[in-house]
Each structure stands twice: as C-alpha cells, then as structure tokens.
Amino acid sequence: MFISLGELYKKANSDGVAVGAFNTNNLEVTQAIVEAAEKTGFPLIIATTPAAIKYAGLKEIFDIVKDLIDESKIPMLIHLDHGKDIELIKECLDAGYRSVMFDGSDLLYENNVSETKKVVELAHKYSAVVEAEVGVVGRGEEGREKILAKYSDPDIAADFVKLTGVDSLAVSIGNIHGAPENEKLNVDLLKEIHEKVSIPLVLHGASGVSRADIFAAIKNGIRKINIDTQLRRAFTESLKENVGDSDKDIRDFLANAKDDVKVVVEKYLKLFNNLE
C-alpha cells in the first residue's frame, strides 16, 4: 500500500531508524524489493532514476511499481532519484509520483537555490515532497582529494534549506557513488549539519559504507539511505553464474537474479532498522 514520505519520515524519526530507498529499472528488481519488504515487514522507498525511466519508459516503470505496491500490505512509495530536468520532474508528478529529488548539486550555489525553489513550488502543488542536494556526492574514480573538496558545508546547508523550503536534504560526508570499499563517513561533519538543519537528511552512495558508520549516520539525523550499486551487482553476478547454461529458460535466470537481489534488500532493511 502507498504511504506518504512525510509519514515514513515521522515514524523513522520516532523510532530512530532510517528508511531504505532501493533503485529499480525492471520488473524483477521491483519484485525483489517488494518481496523483501513483505518478508521483513519494513516499509521502504522504490526509486527510479532518469536513466531507469529512459530505459523502461515512465508509464511502464511507474505502473509496474504502482501495481506491486498496491498489492502489498507493507507501506511503500515511488520516488524520482537524481532528477535534473524540471520537465521530467513535472512528467513524473503528473504520472503520480509524490516524492521527487531535484539534484542541482553540480550547479553554482545560487542556481541550485533558484532551481530547487522552482521544483519545490511545483511539487507542493501536487502535495509532493522534494529532496535536494548540497555538496556533491562523488564517484570512486574521482579520487579522494576531489571528493573531499565537495563535502557539504553546515552553514550553506542551513541557508539552502531556509531559502528553498525543501523537504529533505542529501549530504556529502564521505559517501561515494559506485560502492568503493571502505568508505569512511565524516560523522563529526554530519553532526554539525544535523545541529543546523532540522529536516530529514539523506545518505546517497551508501553501498560501501560500514555497519558502524551506518549506525552513526542514523544516530545523527540520516533518515533515508539509498542503495543501488549492490542491487545491480547482485543481479548481474547471478546472471553471469547462470547464463552459461543455454538449456535453461530465461525466466529461470531472471528468477535466480531476483532472489539474489531480494537477499541484499533484506540485509539492508534489517541494518537500517537496527536489527543486524
């Protein structure tokens, strides 16, 4: 069943946990995410990037996610991840999304503020919520020095929230897209941001973050944690292991891959809810 992100955040804040956001781009991964939610009983977010929408089609991927959520008794919602084009964001809102991210982190600060404000004004007309980003969550191949230079600044984060009216904020504190090993979060920086920003904070690029740092992040205001890379790895590794058997039905390959993704989602749901 569908739930608003505001309700999910309220409960997560009360329970001292984080909501898992898991990326999908096809039927099997979506099934795996929903089945993991049903097995663990934990609510979650199913996220689609612009690339996933381009691959699967907006109506097609939305309908897949919507139908599976409608059939489930576990609270879930669909979210646009890393939206950069306001026109696509509007198309998603028209389609039924009630949670969107506008990622203007690669813009000049003033432009990030003005464009985010436009998205907030638009989305709130749909009773939808908006996530934005201050600082830049880098990628592993960029190198440590470049990534350090893009960390979120607590004062800028507070100013950004005040100027834009955004509903949640993604921060850069050592988290890196692409699941490099041994990511180390700057928990002290997160504490400073949390002291100055009252809205829910979001951790992207969490696939390579240690259990200890995940717990520390949740303790210091992180209320949404995104996982993508580990799901894609589980899916593709399963296919690599099984596809050599040409006598098998393709549905068997996909079913095995789905089951492997489900295991990963279950693990993260337990972690984010302090059970593992």
C-alpha atoms as a PDB file:
ATOM      1  CA  MET A   1       0.000   0.000   0.000  1.00  0.00           C
ATOM      2  CA  PHE A   2       1.081   3.552  -0.627  1.00  0.00           C
ATOM      3  CA  ILE A   3       2.243   5.864   2.159  1.00  0.00           C
ATOM      4  CA  SER A   4       3.486   9.440   2.070  1.00  0.00           C
ATOM      5  CA  LEU A   5       7.173  10.054   2.620  1.00  0.00           C
ATOM      6  CA  GLY A   6       6.280  12.532   5.344  1.00  0.00           C
ATOM      7  CA  GLU A   7       4.586   9.743   7.296  1.00  0.00           C
ATOM      8  CA  LEU A   8       7.561   7.439   6.757  1.00  0.00           C
ATOM      9  CA  TYR A   9       9.985  10.103   7.973  1.00  0.00           C
ATOM     10  CA  LYS A  10       7.851  10.827  11.031  1.00  0.00           C
ATOM     11  CA  LYS A  11       7.867   7.165  12.061  1.00  0.00           C
ATOM     12  CA  ALA A  12      11.569   6.729  11.251  1.00  0.00           C
ATOM     13  CA  ASN A  13      12.414   9.768  13.355  1.00  0.00           C
ATOM     14  CA  SER A  14      10.324   8.472  16.240  1.00  0.00           C
ATOM     15  CA  ASP A  15      11.908   5.006  16.048  1.00  0.00           C
ATOM     16  CA  GLY A  16      15.457   6.262  15.468  1.00  0.00           C
ATOM     17  CA  VAL A  17      15.851   4.351  12.199  1.00  0.00           C
ATOM     18  CA  ALA A  18      16.305   5.136   8.502  1.00  0.00           C
ATOM     19  CA  VAL A  19      14.064   4.374   5.538  1.00  0.00           C
ATOM     20  CA  GLY A  20      15.733   2.330   2.800  1.00  0.00           C
ATOM     21  CA  ALA A  21      15.447   3.610  -0.766  1.00  0.00           C
ATOM     22  CA  PHE A  22      16.209   0.952  -3.363  1.00  0.00           C
ATOM     23  CA  ASN A  23      16.654   1.646  -7.064  1.00  0.00           C
ATOM     24  CA  THR A  24      14.904  -0.329  -9.767  1.00  0.00           C
ATOM     25  CA  ASN A  25      14.700  -0.316 -13.547  1.00  0.00           C
ATOM     26  CA  ASN A  26      12.785  -3.507 -14.315  1.00  0.00           C
ATOM     27  CA  LEU A  27      10.121  -5.947 -13.141  1.00  0.00           C
ATOM     28  CA  GLU A  28      12.402  -8.457 -11.415  1.00  0.00           C
ATOM     29  CA  VAL A  29      14.289  -5.940  -9.279  1.00  0.00           C
ATOM     30  CA  THR A  30      10.994  -4.312  -8.288  1.00  0.00           C
ATOM     31  CA  GLN A  31       9.575  -7.702  -7.309  1.00  0.00           C
ATOM     32  CA  ALA A  32      12.688  -8.403  -5.238  1.00  0.00           C
ATOM     33  CA  ILE A  33      12.368  -5.091  -3.383  1.00  0.00           C
ATOM     34  CA  VAL A  34       8.673  -5.577  -2.635  1.00  0.00           C
ATOM     35  CA  GLU A  35       9.146  -9.208  -1.553  1.00  0.00           C
ATOM     36  CA  ALA A  36      11.950  -8.157   0.804  1.00  0.00           C
ATOM     37  CA  ALA A  37       9.679  -5.536   2.355  1.00  0.00           C
ATOM     38  CA  GLU A  38       6.963  -8.136   2.831  1.00  0.00           C
ATOM     39  CA  LYS A  39       9.346 -10.679   4.351  1.00  0.00           C
ATOM     40  CA  THR A  40      10.875  -8.228   6.845  1.00  0.00           C
ATOM     41  CA  GLY A  41       7.763  -6.116   7.440  1.00  0.00           C
ATOM     42  CA  PHE A  42       9.710  -2.881   6.964  1.00  0.00           C
ATOM     43  CA  PRO A  43       8.374  -0.028   4.790  1.00  0.00           C
ATOM     44  CA  LEU A  44      10.626   1.329   2.066  1.00  0.00           C
ATOM     45  CA  ILE A  45      11.027   3.568  -0.968  1.00  0.00           C
ATOM     46  CA  ILE A  46      11.326   2.296  -4.541  1.00  0.00           C
ATOM     47  CA  ALA A  47      13.442   4.749  -6.524  1.00  0.00           C
ATOM     48  CA  THR A  48      13.786   5.302 -10.258  1.00  0.00           C
ATOM     49  CA  THR A  49      16.463   7.444 -11.864  1.00  0.00           C
ATOM     50  CA  PRO A  50      16.026   9.361 -15.129  1.00  0.00           C
ATOM     51  CA  ALA A  51      18.171   6.652 -16.752  1.00  0.00           C
ATOM     52  CA  ALA A  52      15.817   3.935 -15.493  1.00  0.00           C
ATOM     53  CA  ILE A  53      12.846   5.888 -16.828  1.00  0.00           C
ATOM     54  CA  LYS A  54      14.562   6.316 -20.190  1.00  0.00           C
ATOM     55  CA  TYR A  55      15.268   2.577 -20.302  1.00  0.00           C
ATOM     56  CA  ALA A  56      11.876   1.262 -19.198  1.00  0.00           C
ATOM     57  CA  GLY A  57       9.531   4.138 -20.038  1.00  0.00           C
ATOM     58  CA  LEU A  58       7.888   6.430 -17.489  1.00  0.00           C
ATOM     59  CA  LYS A  59       4.407   4.925 -17.675  1.00  0.00           C
ATOM     60  CA  GLU A  60       5.746   1.377 -17.818  1.00  0.00           C
ATOM     61  CA  ILE A  61       8.063   1.588 -14.798  1.00  0.00           C
ATOM     62  CA  PHE A  62       5.546   3.611 -12.785  1.00  0.00           C
ATOM     63  CA  ASP A  63       2.777   1.100 -13.480  1.00  0.00           C
ATOM     64  CA  ILE A  64       4.997  -1.850 -12.505  1.00  0.00           C
ATOM     65  CA  VAL A  65       5.925  -0.230  -9.205  1.00  0.00           C
ATOM     66  CA  LYS A  66       2.415   1.064  -8.503  1.00  0.00           C
ATOM     67  CA  ASP A  67       0.743  -2.291  -9.138  1.00  0.00           C
ATOM     68  CA  LEU A  68       3.150  -4.155  -6.858  1.00  0.00           C
ATOM     69  CA  ILE A  69       2.802  -1.567  -4.091  1.00  0.00           C
ATOM     70  CA  ASP A  70      -0.996  -1.622  -4.401  1.00  0.00           C
ATOM     71  CA  GLU A  71      -0.985  -5.405  -3.963  1.00  0.00           C
ATOM     72  CA  SER A  72       1.184  -5.281  -0.829  1.00  0.00           C
ATOM     73  CA  LYS A  73       0.175  -4.645   2.782  1.00  0.00           C
ATOM     74  CA  ILE A  74       3.551  -3.045   3.551  1.00  0.00           C
ATOM     75  CA  PRO A  75       3.725   0.782   3.267  1.00  0.00           C
ATOM     76  CA  MET A  76       5.867   1.882   0.304  1.00  0.00           C
ATOM     77  CA  LEU A  77       6.154   4.698  -2.214  1.00  0.00           C
ATOM     78  CA  ILE A  78       7.810   5.521  -5.535  1.00  0.00           C
ATOM     79  CA  HIS A  79      10.460   8.246  -5.741  1.00  0.00           C
ATOM     80  CA  LEU A  80      12.320  10.010  -8.559  1.00  0.00           C
ATOM     81  CA  ASP A  81      16.039   9.821  -7.792  1.00  0.00           C
ATOM     82  CA  HIS A  82      18.550  12.413  -9.072  1.00  0.00           C
ATOM     83  CA  GLY A  83      16.146  14.341 -11.274  1.00  0.00           C
ATOM     84  CA  LYS A  84      17.934  17.183 -13.028  1.00  0.00           C
ATOM     85  CA  ASP A  85      15.369  18.214 -15.647  1.00  0.00           C
ATOM     86  CA  ILE A  86      12.352  20.126 -14.349  1.00  0.00           C
ATOM     87  CA  GLU A  87      10.261  18.981 -17.301  1.00  0.00           C
ATOM     88  CA  LEU A  88      10.879  15.318 -16.408  1.00  0.00           C
ATOM     89  CA  ILE A  89      10.072  16.075 -12.788  1.00  0.00           C
ATOM     90  CA  LYS A  90       6.737  17.550 -13.883  1.00  0.00           C
ATOM     91  CA  GLU A  91       6.045  14.480 -16.033  1.00  0.00           C
ATOM     92  CA  CYS A  92       6.719  12.260 -13.011  1.00  0.00           C
ATOM     93  CA  LEU A  93       4.408  14.338 -10.832  1.00  0.00           C
ATOM     94  CA  ASP A  94       1.703  14.150 -13.495  1.00  0.00           C
ATOM     95  CA  ALA A  95       2.182  10.366 -13.642  1.00  0.00           C
ATOM     96  CA  GLY A  96       1.626  10.004  -9.898  1.00  0.00           C
ATOM     97  CA  TYR A  97       4.994  10.397  -8.167  1.00  0.00           C
ATOM     98  CA  ARG A  98       4.630  12.163  -4.824  1.00  0.00           C
ATOM     99  CA  SER A  99       8.311  12.205  -3.946  1.00  0.00           C
ATOM    100  CA  VAL A 100      10.988  13.657  -6.227  1.00  0.00           C
ATOM    101  CA  MET A 101      14.613  14.653  -5.982  1.00  0.00           C
ATOM    102  CA  PHE A 102      15.994  17.668  -7.765  1.00  0.00           C
ATOM    103  CA  ASP A 103      19.754  17.284  -7.991  1.00  0.00           C
ATOM    104  CA  GLY A 104      21.261  20.683  -8.700  1.00  0.00           C
ATOM    105  CA  SER A 105      24.471  19.885  -6.845  1.00  0.00           C
ATOM    106  CA  ASP A 106      26.598  20.419  -9.952  1.00  0.00           C
ATOM    107  CA  LEU A 107      25.188  23.936 -10.444  1.00  0.00           C
ATOM    108  CA  LEU A 108      26.541  27.149  -8.964  1.00  0.00           C
ATOM    109  CA  TYR A 109      25.090  27.536  -5.477  1.00  0.00           C
ATOM    110  CA  GLU A 110      22.816  30.435  -6.438  1.00  0.00           C
ATOM    111  CA  ASN A 111      21.445  28.449  -9.377  1.00  0.00           C
ATOM    112  CA  ASN A 112      20.934  25.365  -7.211  1.00  0.00           C
ATOM    113  CA  VAL A 113      18.881  27.518  -4.833  1.00  0.00           C
ATOM    114  CA  SER A 114      16.757  29.120  -7.551  1.00  0.00           C
ATOM    115  CA  GLU A 115      16.111  25.892  -9.473  1.00  0.00           C
ATOM    116  CA  THR A 116      15.367  23.896  -6.324  1.00  0.00           C
ATOM    117  CA  LYS A 117      12.922  26.577  -5.216  1.00  0.00           C
ATOM    118  CA  LYS A 118      11.094  26.250  -8.547  1.00  0.00           C
ATOM    119  CA  VAL A 119      10.818  22.478  -8.095  1.00  0.00           C
ATOM    120  CA  VAL A 120       9.583  22.861  -4.509  1.00  0.00           C
ATOM    121  CA  GLU A 121       6.876  25.302  -5.601  1.00  0.00           C
ATOM    122  CA  LEU A 122       5.839  22.951  -8.410  1.00  0.00           C
ATOM    123  CA  ALA A 123       5.879  19.739  -6.372  1.00  0.00           C
ATOM    124  CA  HIS A 124       4.000  21.187  -3.420  1.00  0.00           C
ATOM    125  CA  LYS A 125       1.092  21.950  -5.768  1.00  0.00           C
ATOM    126  CA  TYR A 126       0.828  18.160  -6.168  1.00  0.00           C
ATOM    127  CA  SER A 127       1.180  17.602  -2.403  1.00  0.00           C
ATOM    128  CA  ALA A 128       4.532  16.005  -3.239  1.00  0.00           C
ATOM    129  CA  VAL A 129       7.791  16.312  -1.320  1.00  0.00           C
ATOM    130  CA  VAL A 130      11.194  17.335  -2.644  1.00  0.00           C
ATOM    131  CA  GLU A 131      14.697  16.160  -1.819  1.00  0.00           C
ATOM    132  CA  ALA A 132      17.678  18.247  -2.915  1.00  0.00           C
ATOM    133  CA  GLU A 133      21.450  18.074  -2.502  1.00  0.00           C
ATOM    134  CA  VAL A 134      24.117  20.417  -1.145  1.00  0.00           C
ATOM    135  CA  GLY A 135      27.728  19.469  -1.692  1.00  0.00           C
ATOM    136  CA  VAL A 136      28.380  16.772  -4.266  1.00  0.00           C
ATOM    137  CA  VAL A 137      28.321  13.022  -3.647  1.00  0.00           C
ATOM    138  CA  GLY A 138      31.263  11.959  -5.790  1.00  0.00           C
ATOM    139  CA  ARG A 139      32.191   8.758  -7.563  1.00  0.00           C
ATOM    140  CA  GLY A 140      35.001   6.405  -6.603  1.00  0.00           C
ATOM    141  CA  GLU A 141      37.032   7.058  -9.727  1.00  0.00           C
ATOM    142  CA  GLU A 142      37.351  10.788  -8.932  1.00  0.00           C
ATOM    143  CA  GLY A 143      39.996  10.340  -6.266  1.00  0.00           C
ATOM    144  CA  ARG A 144      39.887  11.247  -2.594  1.00  0.00           C
ATOM    145  CA  GLU A 145      41.063  14.854  -2.883  1.00  0.00           C
ATOM    146  CA  LYS A 146      38.338  15.838  -5.343  1.00  0.00           C
ATOM    147  CA  ILE A 147      35.706  14.138  -3.208  1.00  0.00           C
ATOM    148  CA  LEU A 148      36.869  15.905  -0.031  1.00  0.00           C
ATOM    149  CA  ALA A 149      36.523  19.258  -1.797  1.00  0.00           C
ATOM    150  CA  LYS A 150      32.839  18.567  -2.422  1.00  0.00           C
ATOM    151  CA  TYR A 151      31.745  17.901   1.163  1.00  0.00           C
ATOM    152  CA  SER A 152      28.605  19.654   2.397  1.00  0.00           C
ATOM    153  CA  ASP A 153      29.108  22.819   4.446  1.00  0.00           C
ATOM    154  CA  PRO A 154      26.815  23.028   7.520  1.00  0.00           C
ATOM    155  CA  ASP A 155      26.153  26.769   7.215  1.00  0.00           C
ATOM    156  CA  ILE A 156      25.465  26.536   3.493  1.00  0.00           C
ATOM    157  CA  ALA A 157      23.174  23.561   4.103  1.00  0.00           C
ATOM    158  CA  ALA A 158      21.158  25.539   6.661  1.00  0.00           C
ATOM    159  CA  ASP A 159      20.963  28.542   4.339  1.00  0.00           C
ATOM    160  CA  PHE A 160      19.886  26.340   1.427  1.00  0.00           C
ATOM    161  CA  VAL A 161      17.042  24.761   3.396  1.00  0.00           C
ATOM    162  CA  LYS A 162      15.829  28.170   4.571  1.00  0.00           C
ATOM    163  CA  LEU A 163      15.903  29.676   1.064  1.00  0.00           C
ATOM    164  CA  THR A 164      14.316  26.773  -0.818  1.00  0.00           C
ATOM    165  CA  GLY A 165      11.790  25.221   1.579  1.00  0.00           C
ATOM    166  CA  VAL A 166      12.996  21.768   0.535  1.00  0.00           C
ATOM    167  CA  ASP A 167      11.616  18.781   2.491  1.00  0.00           C
ATOM    168  CA  SER A 168      14.773  16.657   2.852  1.00  0.00           C
ATOM    169  CA  LEU A 169      18.448  17.160   2.105  1.00  0.00           C
ATOM    170  CA  ALA A 170      21.079  14.834   0.650  1.00  0.00           C
ATOM    171  CA  VAL A 171      24.526  15.487   2.086  1.00  0.00           C
ATOM    172  CA  SER A 172      28.102  14.726   1.097  1.00  0.00           C
ATOM    173  CA  ILE A 173      30.085  13.495   4.109  1.00  0.00           C
ATOM    174  CA  GLY A 174      32.391  10.877   2.583  1.00  0.00           C
ATOM    175  CA  ASN A 175      29.709   8.786   0.916  1.00  0.00           C
ATOM    176  CA  ILE A 176      30.577   7.882  -2.675  1.00  0.00           C
ATOM    177  CA  HIS A 177      28.527   6.572  -5.582  1.00  0.00           C
ATOM    178  CA  GLY A 178      29.723   3.289  -7.049  1.00  0.00           C
ATOM    179  CA  ALA A 179      30.321   1.316  -3.838  1.00  0.00           C
ATOM    180  CA  PRO A 180      34.084   1.689  -3.361  1.00  0.00           C
ATOM    181  CA  GLU A 181      35.360  -0.391  -0.460  1.00  0.00           C
ATOM    182  CA  ASN A 182      35.926   1.057   3.000  1.00  0.00           C
ATOM    183  CA  GLU A 183      34.030   4.307   2.631  1.00  0.00           C
ATOM    184  CA  LYS A 184      34.577   6.357   5.771  1.00  0.00           C
ATOM    185  CA  LEU A 185      31.929   8.874   6.725  1.00  0.00           C
ATOM    186  CA  ASN A 186      32.814  12.163   8.390  1.00  0.00           C
ATOM    187  CA  VAL A 187      30.414  11.722  11.291  1.00  0.00           C
ATOM    188  CA  ASP A 188      31.573  14.923  13.008  1.00  0.00           C
ATOM    189  CA  LEU A 189      30.603  16.900   9.907  1.00  0.00           C
ATOM    190  CA  LEU A 190      27.230  15.153   9.841  1.00  0.00           C
ATOM    191  CA  LYS A 191      26.672  16.109  13.491  1.00  0.00           C
ATOM    192  CA  GLU A 192      27.315  19.772  12.620  1.00  0.00           C
ATOM    193  CA  ILE A 193      24.882  19.621   9.718  1.00  0.00           C
ATOM    194  CA  HIS A 194      22.246  17.886  11.856  1.00  0.00           C
ATOM    195  CA  GLU A 195      22.560  20.583  14.519  1.00  0.00           C
ATOM    196  CA  LYS A 196      21.807  23.295  11.948  1.00  0.00           C
ATOM    197  CA  VAL A 197      19.312  21.521   9.687  1.00  0.00           C
ATOM    198  CA  SER A 198      16.014  20.286  11.117  1.00  0.00           C
ATOM    199  CA  ILE A 199      14.655  18.421   8.067  1.00  0.00           C
ATOM    200  CA  PRO A 200      15.441  14.741   7.335  1.00  0.00           C
ATOM    201  CA  LEU A 201      18.926  14.116   5.949  1.00  0.00           C
ATOM    202  CA  VAL A 202      19.635  11.648   3.149  1.00  0.00           C
ATOM    203  CA  LEU A 203      22.660   9.429   2.519  1.00  0.00           C
ATOM    204  CA  HIS A 204      23.378   8.534  -1.104  1.00  0.00           C
ATOM    205  CA  GLY A 205      26.150   6.199  -2.232  1.00  0.00           C
ATOM    206  CA  ALA A 206      25.795   4.022   0.862  1.00  0.00           C
ATOM    207  CA  SER A 207      26.619   0.633  -0.677  1.00  0.00           C
ATOM    208  CA  GLY A 208      30.232   0.783   0.526  1.00  0.00           C
ATOM    209  CA  VAL A 209      29.607   2.268   3.983  1.00  0.00           C
ATOM    210  CA  SER A 210      30.421   0.143   7.040  1.00  0.00           C
ATOM    211  CA  ARG A 211      27.787  -1.034   9.528  1.00  0.00           C
ATOM    212  CA  ALA A 212      29.311   1.147  12.244  1.00  0.00           C
ATOM    213  CA  ASP A 213      29.124   4.262  10.087  1.00  0.00           C
ATOM    214  CA  ILE A 214      25.555   3.442   9.023  1.00  0.00           C
ATOM    215  CA  PHE A 215      24.524   3.287  12.690  1.00  0.00           C
ATOM    216  CA  ALA A 216      26.397   6.527  13.439  1.00  0.00           C
ATOM    217  CA  ALA A 217      24.742   8.243  10.480  1.00  0.00           C
ATOM    218  CA  ILE A 218      21.263   7.197  11.599  1.00  0.00           C
ATOM    219  CA  LYS A 219      22.024   8.395  15.128  1.00  0.00           C
ATOM    220  CA  ASN A 220      22.920  11.811  13.710  1.00  0.00           C
ATOM    221  CA  GLY A 221      19.940  12.602  11.529  1.00  0.00           C
ATOM    222  CA  ILE A 222      20.121  10.395   8.444  1.00  0.00           C
ATOM    223  CA  ARG A 223      16.559   9.254   7.782  1.00  0.00           C
ATOM    224  CA  LYS A 224      16.801   7.936   4.206  1.00  0.00           C
ATOM    225  CA  ILE A 225      19.575   5.739   2.829  1.00  0.00           C
ATOM    226  CA  ASN A 226      19.905   4.948  -0.879  1.00  0.00           C
ATOM    227  CA  ILE A 227      21.135   1.620  -2.224  1.00  0.00           C
ATOM    228  CA  ASP A 228      21.677   0.942  -5.932  1.00  0.00           C
ATOM    229  CA  THR A 229      25.113  -0.465  -6.751  1.00  0.00           C
ATOM    230  CA  GLN A 230      24.826  -3.568  -4.567  1.00  0.00           C
ATOM    231  CA  LEU A 231      21.482  -4.436  -6.160  1.00  0.00           C
ATOM    232  CA  ARG A 232      22.908  -4.170  -9.671  1.00  0.00           C
ATOM    233  CA  ARG A 233      25.926  -6.228  -8.653  1.00  0.00           C
ATOM    234  CA  ALA A 234      23.771  -8.975  -7.168  1.00  0.00           C
ATOM    235  CA  PHE A 235      21.605  -9.097 -10.285  1.00  0.00           C
ATOM    236  CA  THR A 236      24.456  -9.156 -12.800  1.00  0.00           C
ATOM    237  CA  GLU A 237      26.614 -11.601 -10.822  1.00  0.00           C
ATOM    238  CA  SER A 238      23.684 -14.011 -10.678  1.00  0.00           C
ATOM    239  CA  LEU A 239      23.230 -13.779 -14.430  1.00  0.00           C
ATOM    240  CA  LYS A 240      26.953 -14.345 -15.022  1.00  0.00           C
ATOM    241  CA  GLU A 241      26.870 -17.501 -12.925  1.00  0.00           C
ATOM    242  CA  ASN A 242      23.805 -18.993 -14.599  1.00  0.00           C
ATOM    243  CA  VAL A 243      23.556 -17.770 -18.161  1.00  0.00           C
ATOM    244  CA  GLY A 244      26.167 -20.226 -19.451  1.00  0.00           C
ATOM    245  CA  ASP A 245      23.598 -22.996 -19.237  1.00  0.00           C
ATOM    246  CA  SER A 246      21.915 -22.427 -22.597  1.00  0.00           C
ATOM    247  CA  ASP A 247      19.320 -25.131 -21.954  1.00  0.00           C
ATOM    248  CA  LYS A 248      17.747 -23.101 -19.160  1.00  0.00           C
ATOM    249  CA  ASP A 249      14.685 -20.930 -19.654  1.00  0.00           C
ATOM    250  CA  ILE A 250      15.479 -17.214 -19.457  1.00  0.00           C
ATOM    251  CA  ARG A 251      12.836 -16.935 -16.747  1.00  0.00           C
ATOM    252  CA  ASP A 252      14.947 -19.196 -14.546  1.00  0.00           C
ATOM    253  CA  PHE A 253      17.938 -16.856 -14.931  1.00  0.00           C
ATOM    254  CA  LEU A 254      15.801 -13.859 -14.039  1.00  0.00           C
ATOM    255  CA  ALA A 255      14.142 -15.626 -11.098  1.00  0.00           C
ATOM    256  CA  ASN A 256      17.539 -16.519  -9.628  1.00  0.00           C
ATOM    257  CA  ALA A 257      18.746 -12.947 -10.087  1.00  0.00           C
ATOM    258  CA  LYS A 258      15.601 -11.634  -8.432  1.00  0.00           C
ATOM    259  CA  ASP A 259      16.135 -13.902  -5.425  1.00  0.00           C
ATOM    260  CA  ASP A 260      19.730 -12.712  -5.037  1.00  0.00           C
ATOM    261  CA  VAL A 261      18.627  -9.063  -5.100  1.00  0.00           C
ATOM    262  CA  LYS A 262      15.956  -9.845  -2.514  1.00  0.00           C
ATOM    263  CA  VAL A 263      18.608 -11.160  -0.111  1.00  0.00           C
ATOM    264  CA  VAL A 264      20.568  -7.908  -0.438  1.00  0.00           C
ATOM    265  CA  VAL A 265      17.495  -5.740   0.177  1.00  0.00           C
ATOM    266  CA  GLU A 266      16.550  -7.802   3.242  1.00  0.00           C
ATOM    267  CA  LYS A 267      20.054  -7.335   4.659  1.00  0.00           C
ATOM    268  CA  TYR A 268      19.914  -3.568   4.275  1.00  0.00           C
ATOM    269  CA  LEU A 269      16.390  -3.282   5.664  1.00  0.00           C
ATOM    270  CA  LYS A 270      17.482  -5.083   8.824  1.00  0.00           C
ATOM    271  CA  LEU A 271      20.588  -2.895   9.056  1.00  0.00           C
ATOM    272  CA  PHE A 272      18.678   0.364   8.640  1.00  0.00           C
ATOM    273  CA  ASN A 273      16.177  -0.745  11.276  1.00  0.00           C
ATOM    274  CA  ASN A 274      18.863  -1.692  13.806  1.00  0.00           C
ATOM    275  CA  LEU A 275      18.297  -5.437  13.575  1.00  0.00           C
ATOM    276  CA  GLU A 276      21.614  -6.537  12.046  1.00  0.00           C
END
